[in-house]
Amino acid sequence: MSQQLIPEMNTRVRDIEEKQRILKDRVLLVSQSFVDDRDKTFNEIQQLKKQVIQLQEDNKRMKEILERMAEQASEAAKKSELAILQRQFDLFRG
């Protein structure tokens, strides 16, 4: 009976060792996958931050351009009003 038990125990121990090795490999794969995904996500977040900063800078420049255009349009309106007043003045003088 003892002779039969030893090979069976050896087989069970090998089976358990194989299952443990497989489990270890799976854990390593999952861990590596997690690290890869984390790195990929980190890089994507960094790219998105850069894009947001660029968009903010573009938005600021566009605001400045629009403010300058509004000022120029306002000045142009004043010049045209002065030209009209000058013509009216010339009409009254002449």
C-alpha atoms as a PDB file:
ATOM      1  CA  MET A   1       0.000   0.000   0.000  1.00  0.00           C
ATOM      2  CA  SER A   2       2.825   2.372   0.830  1.00  0.00           C
ATOM      3  CA  GLN A   3       4.515   1.694  -2.511  1.00  0.00           C
ATOM      4  CA  GLN A   4       1.369   2.680  -4.330  1.00  0.00           C
ATOM      5  CA  LEU A   5       0.903   5.861  -2.298  1.00  0.00           C
ATOM      6  CA  ILE A   6       4.362   7.332  -3.035  1.00  0.00           C
ATOM      7  CA  PRO A   7       4.016   7.503  -6.844  1.00  0.00           C
ATOM      8  CA  GLU A   8       0.515   8.927  -6.453  1.00  0.00           C
ATOM      9  CA  MET A   9       1.819  11.596  -4.071  1.00  0.00           C
ATOM     10  CA  ASN A  10       4.662  12.404  -6.471  1.00  0.00           C
ATOM     11  CA  THR A  11       2.168  12.815  -9.266  1.00  0.00           C
ATOM     12  CA  ARG A  12      -0.009  15.077  -7.131  1.00  0.00           C
ATOM     13  CA  VAL A  13       2.992  17.171  -6.090  1.00  0.00           C
ATOM     14  CA  ARG A  14       4.022  17.580  -9.758  1.00  0.00           C
ATOM     15  CA  ASP A  15       0.462  18.541 -10.646  1.00  0.00           C
ATOM     16  CA  ILE A  16       0.371  21.125  -7.868  1.00  0.00           C
ATOM     17  CA  GLU A  17       3.777  22.493  -8.907  1.00  0.00           C
ATOM     18  CA  GLU A  18       2.599  22.748 -12.530  1.00  0.00           C
ATOM     19  CA  LYS A  19      -0.586  24.548 -11.483  1.00  0.00           C
ATOM     20  CA  GLN A  20       1.503  26.906  -9.349  1.00  0.00           C
ATOM     21  CA  ARG A  21       3.847  27.598 -12.292  1.00  0.00           C
ATOM     22  CA  ILE A  22       0.898  28.277 -14.594  1.00  0.00           C
ATOM     23  CA  LEU A  23      -0.663  30.573 -11.998  1.00  0.00           C
ATOM     24  CA  LYS A  24       2.645  32.427 -11.588  1.00  0.00           C
ATOM     25  CA  ASP A  25       2.904  32.890 -15.369  1.00  0.00           C
ATOM     26  CA  ARG A  26      -0.648  34.228 -15.503  1.00  0.00           C
ATOM     27  CA  VAL A  27       0.017  36.672 -12.683  1.00  0.00           C
ATOM     28  CA  LEU A  28       3.156  37.890 -14.467  1.00  0.00           C
ATOM     29  CA  LEU A  29       1.226  38.360 -17.716  1.00  0.00           C
ATOM     30  CA  VAL A  30      -1.568  40.235 -15.981  1.00  0.00           C
ATOM     31  CA  SER A  31       0.958  42.390 -14.135  1.00  0.00           C
ATOM     32  CA  GLN A  32       2.839  43.194 -17.341  1.00  0.00           C
ATOM     33  CA  SER A  33      -0.409  43.964 -19.108  1.00  0.00           C
ATOM     34  CA  PHE A  34      -1.403  46.272 -16.267  1.00  0.00           C
ATOM     35  CA  VAL A  35       1.952  48.084 -16.396  1.00  0.00           C
ATOM     36  CA  ASP A  36       1.722  48.436 -20.181  1.00  0.00           C
ATOM     37  CA  ASP A  37      -1.830  49.793 -19.969  1.00  0.00           C
ATOM     38  CA  ARG A  38      -0.834  52.187 -17.197  1.00  0.00           C
ATOM     39  CA  ASP A  39       2.093  53.491 -19.253  1.00  0.00           C
ATOM     40  CA  LYS A  40      -0.067  53.848 -22.347  1.00  0.00           C
ATOM     41  CA  THR A  41      -2.743  55.719 -20.378  1.00  0.00           C
ATOM     42  CA  PHE A  42      -0.126  57.975 -18.788  1.00  0.00           C
ATOM     43  CA  ASN A  43       1.292  58.853 -22.211  1.00  0.00           C
ATOM     44  CA  GLU A  44      -2.191  59.552 -23.583  1.00  0.00           C
ATOM     45  CA  ILE A  45      -2.931  61.831 -20.629  1.00  0.00           C
ATOM     46  CA  GLN A  46       0.331  63.698 -21.207  1.00  0.00           C
ATOM     47  CA  GLN A  47      -0.572  64.189 -24.884  1.00  0.00           C
ATOM     48  CA  LEU A  48      -4.046  65.423 -23.923  1.00  0.00           C
ATOM     49  CA  LYS A  49      -2.525  67.888 -21.448  1.00  0.00           C
ATOM     50  CA  LYS A  50      -0.243  69.236 -24.187  1.00  0.00           C
ATOM     51  CA  GLN A  51      -3.214  69.576 -26.526  1.00  0.00           C
ATOM     52  CA  VAL A  52      -5.244  71.418 -23.884  1.00  0.00           C
ATOM     53  CA  ILE A  53      -2.354  73.817 -23.255  1.00  0.00           C
ATOM     54  CA  GLN A  54      -2.010  74.421 -27.005  1.00  0.00           C
ATOM     55  CA  LEU A  55      -5.756  75.023 -27.332  1.00  0.00           C
ATOM     56  CA  GLN A  56      -5.663  77.484 -24.423  1.00  0.00           C
ATOM     57  CA  GLU A  57      -2.798  79.368 -26.067  1.00  0.00           C
ATOM     58  CA  ASP A  58      -4.624  79.401 -29.412  1.00  0.00           C
ATOM     59  CA  ASN A  59      -7.776  80.636 -27.696  1.00  0.00           C
ATOM     60  CA  LYS A  60      -5.835  83.436 -25.977  1.00  0.00           C
ATOM     61  CA  ARG A  61      -4.272  84.505 -29.298  1.00  0.00           C
ATOM     62  CA  MET A  62      -7.650  84.484 -31.015  1.00  0.00           C
ATOM     63  CA  LYS A  63      -9.120  86.652 -28.247  1.00  0.00           C
ATOM     64  CA  GLU A  64      -6.272  89.143 -28.669  1.00  0.00           C
ATOM     65  CA  ILE A  65      -6.782  89.231 -32.439  1.00  0.00           C
ATOM     66  CA  LEU A  66     -10.514  89.757 -32.041  1.00  0.00           C
ATOM     67  CA  GLU A  67      -9.941  92.565 -29.531  1.00  0.00           C
ATOM     68  CA  ARG A  68      -7.537  94.278 -31.957  1.00  0.00           C
ATOM     69  CA  MET A  69     -10.011  93.858 -34.811  1.00  0.00           C
ATOM     70  CA  ALA A  70     -12.787  95.333 -32.671  1.00  0.00           C
ATOM     71  CA  GLU A  71     -10.571  98.316 -31.793  1.00  0.00           C
ATOM     72  CA  GLN A  72      -9.690  98.863 -35.450  1.00  0.00           C
ATOM     73  CA  ALA A  73     -13.333  98.605 -36.471  1.00  0.00           C
ATOM     74  CA  SER A  74     -14.223 101.141 -33.806  1.00  0.00           C
ATOM     75  CA  GLU A  75     -11.512 103.520 -35.040  1.00  0.00           C
ATOM     76  CA  ALA A  76     -12.648 103.068 -38.645  1.00  0.00           C
ATOM     77  CA  ALA A  77     -16.185 103.995 -37.644  1.00  0.00           C
ATOM     78  CA  LYS A  78     -14.908 107.160 -35.977  1.00  0.00           C
ATOM     79  CA  LYS A  79     -12.949 108.117 -39.110  1.00  0.00           C
ATOM     80  CA  SER A  80     -15.978 107.658 -41.322  1.00  0.00           C
ATOM     81  CA  GLU A  81     -18.076 109.748 -38.924  1.00  0.00           C
ATOM     82  CA  LEU A  82     -15.459 112.496 -39.077  1.00  0.00           C
ATOM     83  CA  ALA A  83     -15.473 112.354 -42.867  1.00  0.00           C
ATOM     84  CA  ILE A  84     -19.264 112.787 -42.879  1.00  0.00           C
ATOM     85  CA  LEU A  85     -19.021 115.714 -40.481  1.00  0.00           C
ATOM     86  CA  GLN A  86     -16.286 117.247 -42.630  1.00  0.00           C
ATOM     87  CA  ARG A  87     -18.511 116.996 -45.733  1.00  0.00           C
ATOM     88  CA  GLN A  88     -21.431 118.562 -43.867  1.00  0.00           C
ATOM     89  CA  PHE A  89     -19.192 121.342 -42.638  1.00  0.00           C
ATOM     90  CA  ASP A  90     -17.920 121.908 -46.167  1.00  0.00           C
ATOM     91  CA  LEU A  91     -21.511 122.100 -47.415  1.00  0.00           C
ATOM     92  CA  PHE A  92     -22.392 124.757 -44.875  1.00  0.00           C
ATOM     93  CA  ARG A  93     -19.316 126.809 -45.667  1.00  0.00           C
ATOM     94  CA  GLY A  94     -19.722 126.627 -49.352  1.00  0.00           C
END
